[in-house]
Amino acid sequence: MTPAERPAAIRAALEAAFAPTSIEIVDESHKHAGHAGARDGRGHFKVAIVSDRFAGQMPLARHRAVYAALGDLMTTDIHALSIEARTPAEVGAR
């Protein structure tokens, strides 16, 4: 997969798993050029996702669910992932 295709692949996997009301994916790979972990060509991403499916889950469980939804992308295309996973109620409470 090319670097340009990665955000769409991440979006598709997360939409299929969580039916989010909101999702934002930011490719931050350019900030890590030369970083030892980026030498293999995998990317650095920031994801903000809002879904009812996170209700009742602690942050660690939410992160694990996101990693699981991304599956092989975590080993083939993603080197680092920053996750903000919230419910619609949590967004409204801010």
PDB file of N, CA and C in Angstrom:
ATOM      1  N   MET A   1       0.847  -1.173   0.000  1.00  0.00           N
ATOM      2  CA  MET A   1       0.000   0.000   0.000  1.00  0.00           C
ATOM      3  C   MET A   1       0.894   1.238   0.000  1.00  0.00           C
ATOM      4  N   THR A   2       0.506   2.226  -0.750  1.00  0.00           N
ATOM      5  CA  THR A   2       1.297   3.450  -0.795  1.00  0.00           C
ATOM      6  C   THR A   2       0.961   4.315   0.421  1.00  0.00           C
ATOM      7  N   PRO A   3       1.881   5.196   0.807  1.00  0.00           N
ATOM      8  CA  PRO A   3       1.592   6.095   1.927  1.00  0.00           C
ATOM      9  C   PRO A   3       0.316   6.917   1.718  1.00  0.00           C
ATOM     10  N   ALA A   4       0.020   7.298   0.502  1.00  0.00           N
ATOM     11  CA  ALA A   4      -1.183   8.091   0.219  1.00  0.00           C
ATOM     12  C   ALA A   4      -2.468   7.293   0.435  1.00  0.00           C
ATOM     13  N   GLU A   5      -2.397   5.971   0.354  1.00  0.00           N
ATOM     14  CA  GLU A   5      -3.577   5.113   0.523  1.00  0.00           C
ATOM     15  C   GLU A   5      -3.858   4.769   1.988  1.00  0.00           C
ATOM     16  N   ARG A   6      -2.900   4.985   2.845  1.00  0.00           N
ATOM     17  CA  ARG A   6      -3.033   4.558   4.236  1.00  0.00           C
ATOM     18  C   ARG A   6      -4.186   5.219   4.988  1.00  0.00           C
ATOM     19  N   PRO A   7      -4.354   6.537   4.925  1.00  0.00           N
ATOM     20  CA  PRO A   7      -5.479   7.122   5.675  1.00  0.00           C
ATOM     21  C   PRO A   7      -6.837   6.541   5.277  1.00  0.00           C
ATOM     22  N   ALA A   8      -7.058   6.293   4.006  1.00  0.00           N
ATOM     23  CA  ALA A   8      -8.324   5.710   3.552  1.00  0.00           C
ATOM     24  C   ALA A   8      -8.492   4.292   4.092  1.00  0.00           C
ATOM     25  N   ALA A   9      -7.414   3.534   4.143  1.00  0.00           N
ATOM     26  CA  ALA A   9      -7.483   2.173   4.671  1.00  0.00           C
ATOM     27  C   ALA A   9      -7.776   2.188   6.172  1.00  0.00           C
ATOM     28  N   ILE A  10      -7.164   3.114   6.884  1.00  0.00           N
ATOM     29  CA  ILE A  10      -7.428   3.258   8.318  1.00  0.00           C
ATOM     30  C   ILE A  10      -8.894   3.643   8.521  1.00  0.00           C
ATOM     31  N   ARG A  11      -9.371   4.622   7.766  1.00  0.00           N
ATOM     32  CA  ARG A  11     -10.762   5.065   7.867  1.00  0.00           C
ATOM     33  C   ARG A  11     -11.727   3.902   7.604  1.00  0.00           C
ATOM     34  N   ALA A  12     -11.497   3.147   6.560  1.00  0.00           N
ATOM     35  CA  ALA A  12     -12.379   2.033   6.210  1.00  0.00           C
ATOM     36  C   ALA A  12     -12.439   1.002   7.332  1.00  0.00           C
ATOM     37  N   ALA A  13     -11.297   0.663   7.903  1.00  0.00           N
ATOM     38  CA  ALA A  13     -11.263  -0.334   8.976  1.00  0.00           C
ATOM     39  C   ALA A  13     -11.999   0.164  10.215  1.00  0.00           C
ATOM     40  N   LEU A  14     -11.787   1.417  10.569  1.00  0.00           N
ATOM     41  CA  LEU A  14     -12.431   1.957  11.766  1.00  0.00           C
ATOM     42  C   LEU A  14     -13.927   2.177  11.561  1.00  0.00           C
ATOM     43  N   GLU A  15     -14.326   2.605  10.374  1.00  0.00           N
ATOM     44  CA  GLU A  15     -15.754   2.770  10.096  1.00  0.00           C
ATOM     45  C   GLU A  15     -16.476   1.426  10.145  1.00  0.00           C
ATOM     46  N   ALA A  16     -15.848   0.389   9.624  1.00  0.00           N
ATOM     47  CA  ALA A  16     -16.462  -0.939   9.641  1.00  0.00           C
ATOM     48  C   ALA A  16     -16.618  -1.467  11.066  1.00  0.00           C
ATOM     49  N   ALA A  17     -15.647  -1.187  11.915  1.00  0.00           N
ATOM     50  CA  ALA A  17     -15.669  -1.732  13.274  1.00  0.00           C
ATOM     51  C   ALA A  17     -16.515  -0.923  14.249  1.00  0.00           C
ATOM     52  N   PHE A  18     -16.563   0.395  14.070  1.00  0.00           N
ATOM     53  CA  PHE A  18     -17.168   1.246  15.096  1.00  0.00           C
ATOM     54  C   PHE A  18     -18.355   2.091  14.654  1.00  0.00           C
ATOM     55  N   ALA A  19     -18.676   2.144  13.375  1.00  0.00           N
ATOM     56  CA  ALA A  19     -19.761   3.006  12.878  1.00  0.00           C
ATOM     57  C   ALA A  19     -19.690   4.367  13.570  1.00  0.00           C
ATOM     58  N   PRO A  20     -18.563   5.062  13.459  1.00  0.00           N
ATOM     59  CA  PRO A  20     -18.372   6.298  14.217  1.00  0.00           C
ATOM     60  C   PRO A  20     -19.276   7.439  13.765  1.00  0.00           C
ATOM     61  N   THR A  21     -19.607   8.298  14.725  1.00  0.00           N
ATOM     62  CA  THR A  21     -20.335   9.515  14.391  1.00  0.00           C
ATOM     63  C   THR A  21     -19.367  10.586  13.918  1.00  0.00           C
ATOM     64  N   SER A  22     -18.100  10.408  14.259  1.00  0.00           N
ATOM     65  CA  SER A  22     -17.057  11.338  13.841  1.00  0.00           C
ATOM     66  C   SER A  22     -15.729  10.594  13.809  1.00  0.00           C
ATOM     67  N   ILE A  23     -14.928  10.911  12.816  1.00  0.00           N
ATOM     68  CA  ILE A  23     -13.597  10.320  12.730  1.00  0.00           C
ATOM     69  C   ILE A  23     -12.674  11.298  12.017  1.00  0.00           C
ATOM     70  N   GLU A  24     -11.497  11.481  12.582  1.00  0.00           N
ATOM     71  CA  GLU A  24     -10.478  12.332  11.972  1.00  0.00           C
ATOM     72  C   GLU A  24      -9.165  11.567  11.988  1.00  0.00           C
ATOM     73  N   ILE A  25      -8.515  11.531  10.847  1.00  0.00           N
ATOM     74  CA  ILE A  25      -7.236  10.830  10.721  1.00  0.00           C
ATOM     75  C   ILE A  25      -6.222  11.827  10.183  1.00  0.00           C
ATOM     76  N   VAL A  26      -5.128  11.983  10.904  1.00  0.00           N
ATOM     77  CA  VAL A  26      -4.079  12.907  10.497  1.00  0.00           C
ATOM     78  C   VAL A  26      -2.788  12.113  10.305  1.00  0.00           C
ATOM     79  N   ASP A  27      -2.206  12.237   9.130  1.00  0.00           N
ATOM     80  CA  ASP A  27      -0.922  11.594   8.847  1.00  0.00           C
ATOM     81  C   ASP A  27       0.176  12.532   9.333  1.00  0.00           C
ATOM     82  N   GLU A  28       0.878  12.123  10.366  1.00  0.00           N
ATOM     83  CA  GLU A  28       1.956  12.921  10.947  1.00  0.00           C
ATOM     84  C   GLU A  28       3.329  12.361  10.596  1.00  0.00           C
ATOM     85  N   SER A  29       3.392  11.541   9.579  1.00  0.00           N
ATOM     86  CA  SER A  29       4.639  10.883   9.207  1.00  0.00           C
ATOM     87  C   SER A  29       5.747  11.881   8.902  1.00  0.00           C
ATOM     88  N   HIS A  30       5.389  13.011   8.297  1.00  0.00           N
ATOM     89  CA  HIS A  30       6.397  14.012   7.943  1.00  0.00           C
ATOM     90  C   HIS A  30       7.125  14.560   9.167  1.00  0.00           C
ATOM     91  N   LYS A  31       6.497  14.506  10.329  1.00  0.00           N
ATOM     92  CA  LYS A  31       7.122  15.000  11.562  1.00  0.00           C
ATOM     93  C   LYS A  31       8.191  14.036  12.083  1.00  0.00           C
ATOM     94  N   HIS A  32       8.212  12.838  11.543  1.00  0.00           N
ATOM     95  CA  HIS A  32       9.110  11.804  12.056  1.00  0.00           C
ATOM     96  C   HIS A  32      10.156  11.355  11.043  1.00  0.00           C
ATOM     97  N   ALA A  33      10.352  12.144  10.016  1.00  0.00           N
ATOM     98  CA  ALA A  33      11.369  11.802   9.005  1.00  0.00           C
ATOM     99  C   ALA A  33      12.719  11.643   9.690  1.00  0.00           C
ATOM    100  N   GLY A  34      13.395  10.563   9.395  1.00  0.00           N
ATOM    101  CA  GLY A  34      14.691  10.291  10.000  1.00  0.00           C
ATOM    102  C   GLY A  34      14.612   9.548  11.319  1.00  0.00           C
ATOM    103  N   HIS A  35      13.426   9.440  11.888  1.00  0.00           N
ATOM    104  CA  HIS A  35      13.210   8.712  13.138  1.00  0.00           C
ATOM    105  C   HIS A  35      13.535   7.240  12.907  1.00  0.00           C
ATOM    106  N   ALA A  36      14.204   6.623  13.844  1.00  0.00           N
ATOM    107  CA  ALA A  36      14.628   5.230  13.678  1.00  0.00           C
ATOM    108  C   ALA A  36      13.447   4.313  13.354  1.00  0.00           C
ATOM    109  N   GLY A  37      12.305   4.532  13.996  1.00  0.00           N
ATOM    110  CA  GLY A  37      11.150   3.682  13.767  1.00  0.00           C
ATOM    111  C   GLY A  37      10.472   3.911  12.434  1.00  0.00           C
ATOM    112  N   ALA A  38      10.783   5.021  11.779  1.00  0.00           N
ATOM    113  CA  ALA A  38      10.147   5.337  10.501  1.00  0.00           C
ATOM    114  C   ALA A  38      10.968   4.840   9.313  1.00  0.00           C
ATOM    115  N   ARG A  39      12.110   4.285   9.568  1.00  0.00           N
ATOM    116  CA  ARG A  39      12.988   3.840   8.475  1.00  0.00           C
ATOM    117  C   ARG A  39      12.393   2.723   7.634  1.00  0.00           C
ATOM    118  N   ASP A  40      11.488   1.959   8.231  1.00  0.00           N
ATOM    119  CA  ASP A  40      10.905   0.845   7.476  1.00  0.00           C
ATOM    120  C   ASP A  40       9.764   1.302   6.570  1.00  0.00           C
ATOM    121  N   GLY A  41       9.461   2.596   6.574  1.00  0.00           N
ATOM    122  CA  GLY A  41       8.455   3.131   5.674  1.00  0.00           C
ATOM    123  C   GLY A  41       7.041   3.186   6.210  1.00  0.00           C
ATOM    124  N   ARG A  42       6.821   2.644   7.408  1.00  0.00           N
ATOM    125  CA  ARG A  42       5.480   2.705   7.981  1.00  0.00           C
ATOM    126  C   ARG A  42       5.212   4.116   8.500  1.00  0.00           C
ATOM    127  N   GLY A  43       3.944   4.471   8.658  1.00  0.00           N
ATOM    128  CA  GLY A  43       3.574   5.837   8.997  1.00  0.00           C
ATOM    129  C   GLY A  43       3.224   6.084  10.454  1.00  0.00           C
ATOM    130  N   HIS A  44       3.156   7.374  10.784  1.00  0.00           N
ATOM    131  CA  HIS A  44       2.754   7.862  12.098  1.00  0.00           C
ATOM    132  C   HIS A  44       1.413   8.579  11.918  1.00  0.00           C
ATOM    133  N   PHE A  45       0.400   8.167  12.703  1.00  0.00           N
ATOM    134  CA  PHE A  45      -0.928   8.720  12.529  1.00  0.00           C
ATOM    135  C   PHE A  45      -1.545   9.133  13.856  1.00  0.00           C
ATOM    136  N   LYS A  46      -2.465  10.083  13.765  1.00  0.00           N
ATOM    137  CA  LYS A  46      -3.256  10.534  14.888  1.00  0.00           C
ATOM    138  C   LYS A  46      -4.717  10.291  14.515  1.00  0.00           C
ATOM    139  N   VAL A  47      -5.458   9.611  15.388  1.00  0.00           N
ATOM    140  CA  VAL A  47      -6.856   9.290  15.124  1.00  0.00           C
ATOM    141  C   VAL A  47      -7.722   9.823  16.265  1.00  0.00           C
ATOM    142  N   ALA A  48      -8.767  10.553  15.904  1.00  0.00           N
ATOM    143  CA  ALA A  48      -9.799  10.967  16.858  1.00  0.00           C
ATOM    144  C   ALA A  48     -11.092  10.344  16.368  1.00  0.00           C
ATOM    145  N   ILE A  49     -11.673   9.489  17.191  1.00  0.00           N
ATOM    146  CA  ILE A  49     -12.861   8.742  16.781  1.00  0.00           C
ATOM    147  C   ILE A  49     -13.921   8.817  17.870  1.00  0.00           C
ATOM    148  N   VAL A  50     -15.157   9.015  17.447  1.00  0.00           N
ATOM    149  CA  VAL A  50     -16.294   9.098  18.362  1.00  0.00           C
ATOM    150  C   VAL A  50     -17.286   8.009  17.954  1.00  0.00           C
ATOM    151  N   SER A  51     -17.622   7.146  18.915  1.00  0.00           N
ATOM    152  CA  SER A  51     -18.530   6.039  18.623  1.00  0.00           C
ATOM    153  C   SER A  51     -19.262   5.606  19.887  1.00  0.00           C
ATOM    154  N   ASP A  52     -20.523   5.239  19.726  1.00  0.00           N
ATOM    155  CA  ASP A  52     -21.296   4.674  20.835  1.00  0.00           C
ATOM    156  C   ASP A  52     -20.695   3.357  21.308  1.00  0.00           C
ATOM    157  N   ARG A  53     -19.954   2.700  20.460  1.00  0.00           N
ATOM    158  CA  ARG A  53     -19.398   1.382  20.808  1.00  0.00           C
ATOM    159  C   ARG A  53     -18.323   1.457  21.891  1.00  0.00           C
ATOM    160  N   PHE A  54     -17.868   2.665  22.229  1.00  0.00           N
ATOM    161  CA  PHE A  54     -16.897   2.812  23.308  1.00  0.00           C
ATOM    162  C   PHE A  54     -17.564   2.957  24.676  1.00  0.00           C
ATOM    163  N   ALA A  55     -18.885   3.042  24.699  1.00  0.00           N
ATOM    164  CA  ALA A  55     -19.611   3.210  25.963  1.00  0.00           C
ATOM    165  C   ALA A  55     -19.279   2.066  26.914  1.00  0.00           C
ATOM    166  N   GLY A  56     -18.989   2.430  28.148  1.00  0.00           N
ATOM    167  CA  GLY A  56     -18.696   1.439  29.174  1.00  0.00           C
ATOM    168  C   GLY A  56     -17.274   0.907  29.150  1.00  0.00           C
ATOM    169  N   GLN A  57     -16.468   1.368  28.217  1.00  0.00           N
ATOM    170  CA  GLN A  57     -15.082   0.883  28.123  1.00  0.00           C
ATOM    171  C   GLN A  57     -14.111   1.904  28.707  1.00  0.00           C
ATOM    172  N   MET A  58     -13.126   1.407  29.396  1.00  0.00           N
ATOM    173  CA  MET A  58     -12.047   2.250  29.894  1.00  0.00           C
ATOM    174  C   MET A  58     -11.134   2.599  28.704  1.00  0.00           C
ATOM    175  N   PRO A  59     -10.327   3.654  28.840  1.00  0.00           N
ATOM    176  CA  PRO A  59      -9.460   4.066  27.723  1.00  0.00           C
ATOM    177  C   PRO A  59      -8.581   2.943  27.158  1.00  0.00           C
ATOM    178  N   LEU A  60      -8.005   2.119  28.005  1.00  0.00           N
ATOM    179  CA  LEU A  60      -7.134   1.047  27.517  1.00  0.00           C
ATOM    180  C   LEU A  60      -7.920   0.059  26.649  1.00  0.00           C
ATOM    181  N   ALA A  61      -9.136  -0.272  27.046  1.00  0.00           N
ATOM    182  CA  ALA A  61      -9.964  -1.184  26.257  1.00  0.00           C
ATOM    183  C   ALA A  61     -10.326  -0.558  24.911  1.00  0.00           C
ATOM    184  N   ARG A  62     -10.561   0.727  24.912  1.00  0.00           N
ATOM    185  CA  ARG A  62     -10.867   1.428  23.661  1.00  0.00           C
ATOM    186  C   ARG A  62      -9.673   1.379  22.712  1.00  0.00           C
ATOM    187  N   HIS A  63      -8.500   1.631  23.248  1.00  0.00           N
ATOM    188  CA  HIS A  63      -7.288   1.595  22.420  1.00  0.00           C
ATOM    189  C   HIS A  63      -7.050   0.200  21.869  1.00  0.00           C
ATOM    190  N   ARG A  64      -7.237  -0.795  22.699  1.00  0.00           N
ATOM    191  CA  ARG A  64      -7.071  -2.176  22.238  1.00  0.00           C
ATOM    192  C   ARG A  64      -8.060  -2.505  21.134  1.00  0.00           C
ATOM    193  N   ALA A  65      -9.288  -2.003  21.256  1.00  0.00           N
ATOM    194  CA  ALA A  65     -10.305  -2.247  20.236  1.00  0.00           C
ATOM    195  C   ALA A  65      -9.913  -1.580  18.917  1.00  0.00           C
ATOM    196  N   VAL A  66      -9.348  -0.390  18.989  1.00  0.00           N
ATOM    197  CA  VAL A  66      -8.898   0.300  17.774  1.00  0.00           C
ATOM    198  C   VAL A  66      -7.759  -0.485  17.135  1.00  0.00           C
ATOM    199  N   TYR A  67      -6.784  -0.908  17.949  1.00  0.00           N
ATOM    200  CA  TYR A  67      -5.670  -1.705  17.406  1.00  0.00           C
ATOM    201  C   TYR A  67      -6.190  -2.978  16.750  1.00  0.00           C
ATOM    202  N   ALA A  68      -7.140  -3.639  17.396  1.00  0.00           N
ATOM    203  CA  ALA A  68      -7.694  -4.876  16.843  1.00  0.00           C
ATOM    204  C   ALA A  68      -8.406  -4.606  15.524  1.00  0.00           C
ATOM    205  N   ALA A  69      -9.153  -3.505  15.454  1.00  0.00           N
ATOM    206  CA  ALA A  69      -9.869  -3.169  14.221  1.00  0.00           C
ATOM    207  C   ALA A  69      -8.905  -2.897  13.072  1.00  0.00           C
ATOM    208  N   LEU A  70      -7.747  -2.343  13.394  1.00  0.00           N
ATOM    209  CA  LEU A  70      -6.760  -2.037  12.350  1.00  0.00           C
ATOM    210  C   LEU A  70      -5.980  -3.278  11.927  1.00  0.00           C
ATOM    211  N   GLY A  71      -5.988  -4.297  12.752  1.00  0.00           N
ATOM    212  CA  GLY A  71      -5.387  -5.585  12.397  1.00  0.00           C
ATOM    213  C   GLY A  71      -4.001  -5.494  11.800  1.00  0.00           C
ATOM    214  N   ASP A  72      -3.844  -6.066  10.622  1.00  0.00           N
ATOM    215  CA  ASP A  72      -2.535  -6.141   9.967  1.00  0.00           C
ATOM    216  C   ASP A  72      -1.949  -4.779   9.630  1.00  0.00           C
ATOM    217  N   LEU A  73      -2.776  -3.752   9.510  1.00  0.00           N
ATOM    218  CA  LEU A  73      -2.234  -2.416   9.227  1.00  0.00           C
ATOM    219  C   LEU A  73      -1.236  -1.988  10.299  1.00  0.00           C
ATOM    220  N   MET A  74      -1.432  -2.485  11.520  1.00  0.00           N
ATOM    221  CA  MET A  74      -0.530  -2.121  12.610  1.00  0.00           C
ATOM    222  C   MET A  74       0.873  -2.699  12.403  1.00  0.00           C
ATOM    223  N   THR A  75       0.989  -3.746  11.631  1.00  0.00           N
ATOM    224  CA  THR A  75       2.314  -4.330  11.404  1.00  0.00           C
ATOM    225  C   THR A  75       2.858  -4.047  10.011  1.00  0.00           C
ATOM    226  N   THR A  76       1.966  -3.669   9.085  1.00  0.00           N
ATOM    227  CA  THR A  76       2.426  -3.454   7.719  1.00  0.00           C
ATOM    228  C   THR A  76       2.532  -1.988   7.319  1.00  0.00           C
ATOM    229  N   ASP A  77       1.676  -1.123   7.891  1.00  0.00           N
ATOM    230  CA  ASP A  77       1.607   0.257   7.419  1.00  0.00           C
ATOM    231  C   ASP A  77       1.668   1.328   8.504  1.00  0.00           C
ATOM    232  N   ILE A  78       1.425   0.958   9.747  1.00  0.00           N
ATOM    233  CA  ILE A  78       1.406   1.937  10.834  1.00  0.00           C
ATOM    234  C   ILE A  78       2.539   1.631  11.804  1.00  0.00           C
ATOM    235  N   HIS A  79       3.395   2.631  12.019  1.00  0.00           N
ATOM    236  CA  HIS A  79       4.462   2.489  13.016  1.00  0.00           C
ATOM    237  C   HIS A  79       4.004   3.025  14.367  1.00  0.00           C
ATOM    238  N   ALA A  80       3.351   4.185  14.344  1.00  0.00           N
ATOM    239  CA  ALA A  80       2.897   4.820  15.582  1.00  0.00           C
ATOM    240  C   ALA A  80       1.487   5.351  15.390  1.00  0.00           C
ATOM    241  N   LEU A  81       0.683   5.242  16.466  1.00  0.00           N
ATOM    242  CA  LEU A  81      -0.709   5.668  16.390  1.00  0.00           C
ATOM    243  C   LEU A  81      -1.102   6.348  17.693  1.00  0.00           C
ATOM    244  N   SER A  82      -1.508   7.594  17.590  1.00  0.00           N
ATOM    245  CA  SER A  82      -2.054   8.334  18.724  1.00  0.00           C
ATOM    246  C   SER A  82      -3.573   8.228  18.618  1.00  0.00           C
ATOM    247  N   ILE A  83      -4.234   7.832  19.707  1.00  0.00           N
ATOM    248  CA  ILE A  83      -5.674   7.567  19.660  1.00  0.00           C
ATOM    249  C   ILE A  83      -6.419   8.418  20.676  1.00  0.00           C
ATOM    250  N   GLU A  84      -7.466   9.067  20.215  1.00  0.00           N
ATOM    251  CA  GLU A  84      -8.443   9.713  21.092  1.00  0.00           C
ATOM    252  C   GLU A  84      -9.773   9.067  20.753  1.00  0.00           C
ATOM    253  N   ALA A  85     -10.260   8.207  21.645  1.00  0.00           N
ATOM    254  CA  ALA A  85     -11.490   7.453  21.411  1.00  0.00           C
ATOM    255  C   ALA A  85     -12.517   7.847  22.461  1.00  0.00           C
ATOM    256  N   ARG A  86     -13.632   8.440  22.011  1.00  0.00           N
ATOM    257  CA  ARG A  86     -14.657   8.923  22.936  1.00  0.00           C
ATOM    258  C   ARG A  86     -16.048   8.503  22.472  1.00  0.00           C
ATOM    259  N   THR A  87     -16.992   8.619  23.381  1.00  0.00           N
ATOM    260  CA  THR A  87     -18.398   8.396  23.044  1.00  0.00           C
ATOM    261  C   THR A  87     -19.020   9.744  22.687  1.00  0.00           C
ATOM    262  N   PRO A  88     -20.162   9.739  21.988  1.00  0.00           N
ATOM    263  CA  PRO A  88     -20.840  11.017  21.703  1.00  0.00           C
ATOM    264  C   PRO A  88     -21.188  11.785  22.982  1.00  0.00           C
ATOM    265  N   ALA A  89     -21.554  11.079  24.052  1.00  0.00           N
ATOM    266  CA  ALA A  89     -21.876  11.743  25.323  1.00  0.00           C
ATOM    267  C   ALA A  89     -20.655  12.453  25.895  1.00  0.00           C
ATOM    268  N   GLU A  90     -19.485  11.863  25.748  1.00  0.00           N
ATOM    269  CA  GLU A  90     -18.261  12.490  26.255  1.00  0.00           C
ATOM    270  C   GLU A  90     -17.905  13.736  25.459  1.00  0.00           C
ATOM    271  N   VAL A  91     -18.186  13.706  24.165  1.00  0.00           N
ATOM    272  CA  VAL A  91     -17.925  14.879  23.324  1.00  0.00           C
ATOM    273  C   VAL A  91     -18.858  16.011  23.744  1.00  0.00           C
ATOM    274  N   GLY A  92     -20.119  15.690  23.990  1.00  0.00           N
ATOM    275  CA  GLY A  92     -21.102  16.692  24.382  1.00  0.00           C
ATOM    276  C   GLY A  92     -20.856  17.276  25.758  1.00  0.00           C
ATOM    277  N   ALA A  93     -20.146  16.518  26.605  1.00  0.00           N
ATOM    278  CA  ALA A  93     -19.881  16.972  27.973  1.00  0.00           C
ATOM    279  C   ALA A  93     -18.734  17.973  28.047  1.00  0.00           C
ATOM    280  N   ARG A  94     -18.014  18.139  26.978  1.00  0.00           N
ATOM    281  CA  ARG A  94     -16.862  19.054  26.998  1.00  0.00           C
ATOM    282  C   ARG A  94     -17.278  20.479  26.932  1.00  0.00           C
TER     283      ARG A  94
END
